[in-house]
N, C-alpha and C. Protein backbone atom coordinates (compact mmCIF):
# COMPACT_ATOMS: atom_id res chain seq x y z
N UNK A 1 51.94 -9.89 -10.06
CA UNK A 1 50.53 -10.04 -10.39
C UNK A 1 49.76 -8.80 -9.93
N UNK A 2 48.87 -8.33 -10.75
CA UNK A 2 48.03 -7.19 -10.40
C UNK A 2 46.95 -7.67 -9.43
N UNK A 3 46.86 -7.03 -8.29
CA UNK A 3 45.88 -7.45 -7.31
C UNK A 3 44.69 -6.49 -7.23
N UNK A 4 44.88 -5.26 -7.63
CA UNK A 4 43.86 -4.24 -7.53
C UNK A 4 43.09 -4.13 -8.85
N UNK A 5 41.82 -4.51 -8.83
CA UNK A 5 41.02 -4.46 -10.06
C UNK A 5 40.83 -3.04 -10.57
N UNK A 6 41.01 -2.04 -9.69
CA UNK A 6 40.92 -0.66 -10.14
C UNK A 6 42.03 -0.33 -11.13
N UNK A 7 43.06 -1.13 -11.15
CA UNK A 7 44.14 -0.98 -12.12
C UNK A 7 43.59 -0.92 -13.53
N UNK A 8 42.60 -1.76 -13.83
CA UNK A 8 42.03 -1.81 -15.17
C UNK A 8 41.29 -0.52 -15.50
N UNK A 9 40.67 0.08 -14.49
CA UNK A 9 39.98 1.35 -14.73
C UNK A 9 40.98 2.41 -15.19
N UNK A 10 42.21 2.35 -14.68
CA UNK A 10 43.25 3.29 -15.08
C UNK A 10 43.73 3.02 -16.51
N UNK A 11 43.69 1.76 -16.92
CA UNK A 11 44.13 1.40 -18.27
C UNK A 11 43.11 1.75 -19.37
N UNK A 12 41.85 1.80 -19.03
CA UNK A 12 40.79 1.95 -20.03
C UNK A 12 41.01 3.14 -20.97
N UNK A 13 41.28 4.35 -20.44
CA UNK A 13 41.48 5.48 -21.37
C UNK A 13 42.68 5.29 -22.30
N UNK A 14 43.70 4.63 -21.81
CA UNK A 14 44.90 4.39 -22.62
C UNK A 14 44.56 3.60 -23.89
N UNK A 15 43.60 2.70 -23.80
CA UNK A 15 43.22 1.85 -24.94
C UNK A 15 41.89 2.29 -25.57
N UNK A 16 41.38 3.44 -25.14
CA UNK A 16 40.10 3.95 -25.65
C UNK A 16 38.98 2.93 -25.40
N UNK A 17 38.98 2.36 -24.20
CA UNK A 17 37.98 1.36 -23.80
C UNK A 17 36.99 1.96 -22.82
N UNK A 18 35.76 1.47 -22.87
CA UNK A 18 34.73 1.93 -21.93
C UNK A 18 34.54 0.98 -20.77
N UNK A 19 34.93 -0.29 -20.93
CA UNK A 19 34.64 -1.30 -19.92
C UNK A 19 35.81 -2.27 -19.78
N UNK A 20 35.76 -3.05 -18.70
CA UNK A 20 36.64 -4.20 -18.57
C UNK A 20 35.78 -5.38 -18.13
N UNK A 21 36.19 -6.57 -18.51
CA UNK A 21 35.52 -7.81 -18.10
C UNK A 21 36.58 -8.87 -17.89
N UNK A 22 36.30 -9.78 -16.97
CA UNK A 22 37.20 -10.91 -16.76
C UNK A 22 36.53 -12.20 -17.22
N UNK A 23 37.35 -13.15 -17.64
CA UNK A 23 36.88 -14.49 -17.99
C UNK A 23 37.87 -15.50 -17.45
N UNK A 24 37.41 -16.69 -17.24
CA UNK A 24 38.29 -17.77 -16.79
C UNK A 24 39.37 -18.03 -17.84
N UNK A 25 40.50 -18.53 -17.39
CA UNK A 25 41.67 -18.74 -18.24
C UNK A 25 41.36 -19.51 -19.51
N UNK A 26 40.63 -20.60 -19.39
CA UNK A 26 40.31 -21.43 -20.57
C UNK A 26 39.64 -20.59 -21.66
N UNK A 27 38.67 -19.77 -21.27
CA UNK A 27 37.91 -18.99 -22.24
C UNK A 27 38.71 -17.77 -22.72
N UNK A 28 39.55 -17.22 -21.84
CA UNK A 28 40.44 -16.14 -22.25
C UNK A 28 41.35 -16.61 -23.38
N UNK A 29 41.94 -17.79 -23.19
CA UNK A 29 42.86 -18.32 -24.21
C UNK A 29 42.12 -18.62 -25.51
N UNK A 30 40.87 -19.08 -25.41
CA UNK A 30 40.07 -19.35 -26.61
C UNK A 30 39.75 -18.06 -27.37
N UNK A 31 39.45 -17.00 -26.64
CA UNK A 31 39.18 -15.71 -27.27
C UNK A 31 40.47 -15.16 -27.87
N UNK A 32 41.54 -15.24 -27.12
CA UNK A 32 42.83 -14.72 -27.57
C UNK A 32 43.27 -15.39 -28.88
N UNK A 33 43.02 -16.68 -28.99
CA UNK A 33 43.43 -17.42 -30.19
C UNK A 33 42.43 -17.29 -31.35
N UNK A 34 41.24 -16.76 -31.08
CA UNK A 34 40.22 -16.63 -32.12
C UNK A 34 39.28 -17.82 -32.20
N UNK A 35 39.49 -18.81 -31.35
CA UNK A 35 38.64 -20.01 -31.33
C UNK A 35 37.23 -19.69 -30.83
N UNK A 36 37.11 -18.71 -29.96
CA UNK A 36 35.83 -18.29 -29.37
C UNK A 36 35.63 -16.82 -29.69
N UNK A 37 34.46 -16.47 -30.24
CA UNK A 37 34.22 -15.06 -30.55
C UNK A 37 32.88 -14.55 -30.04
N UNK A 38 32.25 -15.33 -29.16
CA UNK A 38 31.02 -14.87 -28.50
C UNK A 38 31.15 -15.14 -27.00
N UNK A 39 31.03 -14.08 -26.23
CA UNK A 39 31.07 -14.18 -24.78
C UNK A 39 29.64 -14.11 -24.26
N UNK A 40 29.27 -15.06 -23.41
CA UNK A 40 27.91 -15.14 -22.88
C UNK A 40 27.84 -14.51 -21.49
N UNK A 41 26.82 -13.72 -21.28
CA UNK A 41 26.61 -13.07 -19.99
C UNK A 41 25.13 -12.89 -19.73
N UNK A 42 24.79 -12.64 -18.46
CA UNK A 42 23.45 -12.16 -18.14
C UNK A 42 23.36 -10.75 -18.70
N UNK A 43 22.22 -10.37 -19.23
CA UNK A 43 22.05 -9.03 -19.77
C UNK A 43 21.68 -8.10 -18.61
N UNK A 44 22.67 -7.87 -17.75
CA UNK A 44 22.50 -7.09 -16.53
C UNK A 44 22.77 -5.62 -16.80
N UNK A 45 22.80 -4.81 -15.75
CA UNK A 45 22.97 -3.37 -15.91
C UNK A 45 24.26 -3.00 -16.64
N UNK A 46 25.36 -3.69 -16.34
CA UNK A 46 26.63 -3.39 -17.01
C UNK A 46 26.53 -3.68 -18.51
N UNK A 47 25.99 -4.84 -18.88
CA UNK A 47 25.88 -5.22 -20.29
C UNK A 47 24.90 -4.31 -21.03
N UNK A 48 23.88 -3.80 -20.35
CA UNK A 48 22.92 -2.90 -21.01
C UNK A 48 23.57 -1.59 -21.43
N UNK A 49 24.69 -1.24 -20.83
CA UNK A 49 25.42 -0.02 -21.18
C UNK A 49 26.35 -0.23 -22.38
N UNK A 50 26.60 -1.49 -22.73
CA UNK A 50 27.50 -1.81 -23.84
C UNK A 50 26.76 -1.70 -25.16
N UNK A 51 27.52 -1.33 -26.20
CA UNK A 51 26.88 -1.25 -27.52
C UNK A 51 27.87 -1.65 -28.60
N UNK A 52 27.33 -1.98 -29.75
CA UNK A 52 28.15 -2.34 -30.90
C UNK A 52 29.15 -1.23 -31.18
N UNK A 53 30.39 -1.62 -31.41
CA UNK A 53 31.46 -0.67 -31.67
C UNK A 53 32.31 -0.35 -30.45
N UNK A 54 31.79 -0.59 -29.25
CA UNK A 54 32.56 -0.34 -28.03
C UNK A 54 33.79 -1.24 -27.98
N UNK A 55 34.88 -0.70 -27.46
CA UNK A 55 36.06 -1.51 -27.17
C UNK A 55 36.09 -1.73 -25.67
N UNK A 56 36.61 -2.90 -25.27
CA UNK A 56 36.74 -3.18 -23.84
C UNK A 56 37.99 -3.99 -23.58
N UNK A 57 38.46 -3.90 -22.36
CA UNK A 57 39.63 -4.65 -21.92
C UNK A 57 39.13 -5.96 -21.33
N UNK A 58 39.62 -7.07 -21.86
CA UNK A 58 39.25 -8.40 -21.39
C UNK A 58 40.47 -9.00 -20.72
N UNK A 59 40.32 -9.43 -19.46
CA UNK A 59 41.47 -9.99 -18.77
C UNK A 59 41.18 -11.38 -18.21
N UNK A 60 42.26 -12.11 -18.04
CA UNK A 60 42.23 -13.48 -17.53
C UNK A 60 42.02 -13.42 -16.02
N UNK A 61 40.91 -13.96 -15.55
CA UNK A 61 40.58 -13.91 -14.12
C UNK A 61 41.62 -14.63 -13.26
N UNK A 62 42.30 -15.61 -13.82
CA UNK A 62 43.28 -16.37 -13.04
C UNK A 62 44.70 -15.83 -13.19
N UNK A 63 44.91 -14.97 -14.16
CA UNK A 63 46.22 -14.34 -14.38
C UNK A 63 45.94 -12.90 -14.85
N UNK A 64 45.57 -12.02 -13.92
CA UNK A 64 45.10 -10.69 -14.29
C UNK A 64 46.09 -9.81 -15.06
N UNK A 65 47.37 -10.18 -15.07
CA UNK A 65 48.33 -9.42 -15.86
C UNK A 65 48.17 -9.69 -17.35
N UNK A 66 47.40 -10.70 -17.70
CA UNK A 66 47.20 -11.12 -19.08
C UNK A 66 45.88 -10.51 -19.57
N UNK A 67 45.95 -9.58 -20.51
CA UNK A 67 44.74 -8.96 -21.02
C UNK A 67 44.87 -8.65 -22.51
N UNK A 68 43.72 -8.49 -23.14
CA UNK A 68 43.64 -8.12 -24.55
C UNK A 68 42.55 -7.05 -24.71
N UNK A 69 42.54 -6.41 -25.85
CA UNK A 69 41.50 -5.42 -26.16
C UNK A 69 40.59 -6.03 -27.22
N UNK A 70 39.29 -5.94 -26.97
CA UNK A 70 38.30 -6.49 -27.90
C UNK A 70 37.31 -5.40 -28.30
N UNK A 71 36.67 -5.63 -29.43
CA UNK A 71 35.63 -4.72 -29.94
C UNK A 71 34.33 -5.50 -30.07
N UNK A 72 33.23 -4.88 -29.69
CA UNK A 72 31.91 -5.51 -29.80
C UNK A 72 31.40 -5.36 -31.23
N UNK A 73 31.14 -6.49 -31.87
CA UNK A 73 30.61 -6.49 -33.23
C UNK A 73 29.09 -6.55 -33.24
N UNK A 74 28.51 -7.24 -32.23
CA UNK A 74 27.07 -7.40 -32.17
C UNK A 74 26.67 -7.83 -30.77
N UNK A 75 25.47 -7.48 -30.37
CA UNK A 75 24.91 -7.90 -29.09
C UNK A 75 23.66 -8.74 -29.40
N UNK A 76 23.77 -10.06 -29.20
CA UNK A 76 22.65 -10.97 -29.46
C UNK A 76 21.90 -11.17 -28.14
N UNK A 77 20.72 -10.56 -28.02
CA UNK A 77 19.96 -10.58 -26.77
C UNK A 77 18.78 -11.52 -26.91
N UNK A 78 18.57 -12.34 -25.87
CA UNK A 78 17.45 -13.29 -25.88
C UNK A 78 16.96 -13.50 -24.45
N UNK A 79 15.75 -14.01 -24.29
CA UNK A 79 15.24 -14.23 -22.94
C UNK A 79 15.93 -15.37 -22.20
N UNK A 80 16.52 -16.32 -22.95
CA UNK A 80 17.18 -17.48 -22.34
C UNK A 80 18.16 -18.09 -23.33
N UNK A 81 18.94 -19.07 -22.85
CA UNK A 81 19.95 -19.69 -23.72
C UNK A 81 19.32 -20.45 -24.88
N UNK A 82 18.21 -21.14 -24.63
CA UNK A 82 17.56 -21.89 -25.70
C UNK A 82 17.25 -20.98 -26.88
N UNK A 83 16.68 -19.83 -26.60
CA UNK A 83 16.32 -18.87 -27.65
C UNK A 83 17.57 -18.27 -28.28
N UNK A 84 18.56 -17.94 -27.46
CA UNK A 84 19.80 -17.35 -27.97
C UNK A 84 20.44 -18.26 -29.02
N UNK A 85 20.44 -19.56 -28.75
CA UNK A 85 21.12 -20.47 -29.67
C UNK A 85 20.30 -20.84 -30.89
N UNK A 86 19.12 -20.23 -31.04
CA UNK A 86 18.44 -20.29 -32.33
C UNK A 86 18.95 -19.16 -33.23
N UNK A 87 19.63 -18.16 -32.61
CA UNK A 87 20.17 -17.01 -33.34
C UNK A 87 21.65 -17.17 -33.69
N UNK A 88 22.39 -17.86 -32.83
CA UNK A 88 23.84 -17.99 -33.03
C UNK A 88 24.27 -19.44 -32.83
N UNK A 89 25.42 -19.78 -33.35
CA UNK A 89 25.99 -21.12 -33.21
C UNK A 89 26.64 -21.24 -31.83
N UNK A 90 26.18 -22.17 -31.03
CA UNK A 90 26.67 -22.34 -29.67
C UNK A 90 28.18 -22.57 -29.61
N UNK A 91 28.74 -23.22 -30.62
CA UNK A 91 30.17 -23.53 -30.57
C UNK A 91 31.03 -22.26 -30.61
N UNK A 92 30.49 -21.17 -31.13
CA UNK A 92 31.23 -19.90 -31.14
C UNK A 92 31.41 -19.35 -29.73
N UNK A 93 30.64 -19.87 -28.76
CA UNK A 93 30.74 -19.43 -27.37
C UNK A 93 31.68 -20.31 -26.55
N UNK A 94 32.26 -21.33 -27.19
CA UNK A 94 33.19 -22.20 -26.49
C UNK A 94 32.54 -23.42 -25.87
N UNK A 95 31.26 -23.63 -26.14
CA UNK A 95 30.54 -24.78 -25.60
C UNK A 95 29.98 -25.63 -26.75
N UNK A 96 29.71 -26.88 -26.43
CA UNK A 96 29.17 -27.80 -27.44
C UNK A 96 27.67 -28.02 -27.30
N UNK A 97 27.14 -27.78 -26.08
CA UNK A 97 25.72 -28.02 -25.85
C UNK A 97 25.22 -27.11 -24.73
N UNK A 98 23.92 -26.95 -24.68
CA UNK A 98 23.32 -26.13 -23.62
C UNK A 98 23.54 -26.77 -22.24
N UNK A 99 23.39 -28.08 -22.06
CA UNK A 99 23.68 -28.65 -20.73
C UNK A 99 25.12 -28.39 -20.28
N UNK A 100 26.09 -28.50 -21.20
CA UNK A 100 27.48 -28.21 -20.84
C UNK A 100 27.62 -26.74 -20.44
N UNK A 101 27.01 -25.86 -21.19
CA UNK A 101 27.05 -24.43 -20.89
C UNK A 101 26.44 -24.15 -19.52
N UNK A 102 25.24 -24.66 -19.27
CA UNK A 102 24.57 -24.40 -18.00
C UNK A 102 25.34 -24.96 -16.81
N UNK A 103 25.93 -26.13 -16.98
CA UNK A 103 26.73 -26.72 -15.90
C UNK A 103 27.88 -25.79 -15.51
N UNK A 104 28.49 -25.16 -16.49
CA UNK A 104 29.61 -24.25 -16.24
C UNK A 104 29.13 -22.90 -15.72
N UNK A 105 28.18 -22.30 -16.41
CA UNK A 105 27.72 -20.95 -16.07
C UNK A 105 27.12 -20.88 -14.67
N UNK A 106 26.32 -21.87 -14.32
CA UNK A 106 25.63 -21.81 -13.04
C UNK A 106 26.54 -22.08 -11.84
N UNK A 107 27.81 -22.37 -12.09
CA UNK A 107 28.80 -22.43 -11.01
C UNK A 107 29.16 -21.03 -10.55
N UNK A 108 29.03 -20.07 -11.47
CA UNK A 108 29.48 -18.71 -11.20
C UNK A 108 28.34 -17.70 -11.02
N UNK A 109 27.23 -17.95 -11.69
CA UNK A 109 26.09 -17.05 -11.61
C UNK A 109 24.84 -17.90 -11.37
N UNK A 110 24.03 -17.47 -10.44
CA UNK A 110 22.86 -18.27 -10.07
C UNK A 110 21.81 -18.29 -11.17
N UNK A 111 21.01 -19.35 -11.16
CA UNK A 111 19.90 -19.45 -12.11
C UNK A 111 18.94 -18.28 -11.91
N UNK A 112 18.81 -17.83 -10.68
CA UNK A 112 17.93 -16.70 -10.37
C UNK A 112 18.41 -15.42 -11.05
N UNK A 113 19.73 -15.23 -11.07
CA UNK A 113 20.29 -14.04 -11.73
C UNK A 113 19.95 -14.05 -13.21
N UNK A 114 20.09 -15.21 -13.84
CA UNK A 114 19.74 -15.31 -15.25
C UNK A 114 18.24 -15.19 -15.45
N UNK A 115 17.46 -15.68 -14.51
CA UNK A 115 16.00 -15.62 -14.64
C UNK A 115 15.50 -14.17 -14.57
N UNK A 116 16.16 -13.33 -13.78
CA UNK A 116 15.69 -11.94 -13.67
C UNK A 116 16.23 -11.06 -14.80
N UNK A 117 17.20 -11.53 -15.53
CA UNK A 117 17.76 -10.81 -16.67
C UNK A 117 17.60 -11.65 -17.92
N UNK A 118 17.68 -11.01 -19.06
CA UNK A 118 17.81 -11.74 -20.31
C UNK A 118 19.25 -12.23 -20.39
N UNK A 119 19.61 -12.91 -21.46
CA UNK A 119 20.99 -13.31 -21.69
C UNK A 119 21.48 -12.59 -22.94
N UNK A 120 22.80 -12.45 -23.03
CA UNK A 120 23.37 -11.79 -24.19
C UNK A 120 24.59 -12.57 -24.66
N UNK A 121 24.69 -12.73 -25.95
CA UNK A 121 25.89 -13.26 -26.58
C UNK A 121 26.60 -12.08 -27.20
N UNK A 122 27.74 -11.70 -26.60
CA UNK A 122 28.47 -10.53 -27.07
C UNK A 122 29.46 -11.00 -28.14
N UNK A 123 29.17 -10.66 -29.38
CA UNK A 123 30.04 -11.07 -30.49
C UNK A 123 31.21 -10.08 -30.55
N UNK A 124 32.43 -10.62 -30.47
CA UNK A 124 33.61 -9.77 -30.33
C UNK A 124 34.69 -10.14 -31.34
N UNK A 125 35.62 -9.19 -31.50
CA UNK A 125 36.84 -9.48 -32.23
C UNK A 125 37.99 -8.87 -31.42
N UNK A 126 39.10 -9.56 -31.43
CA UNK A 126 40.28 -9.05 -30.74
C UNK A 126 40.91 -7.98 -31.61
N UNK A 127 41.22 -6.83 -31.01
CA UNK A 127 41.85 -5.75 -31.76
C UNK A 127 43.28 -5.49 -31.30
N UNK A 128 43.65 -5.97 -30.14
CA UNK A 128 45.02 -5.81 -29.64
C UNK A 128 45.33 -6.87 -28.61
């Protein structure tokens, strides 16, 4: 198992990627299979550097040796989840409802973090 996250920084040029991101196993497998094609994040400093057309390395947070390469097709930016889901279908993000989404997301990122940033739905496609 890869223990050093800097390992991914070494892989990025090999795949012509600018960034790496991790997701929980359940969501990694959904993206890998094509069931999920929108990744939700706070629109923080890292996400503000991302743009349509960028490729990035996406890895499984629980099994870091498992990774895929994705391409950003679109960045759907909104002030909050309610507004975001007037622009995109929530099921494309792997959730069925906003309460289900918030229950999951707020385990990992505080409500305050989302309050100080906008939210982004990163529309992606797997390329490798």
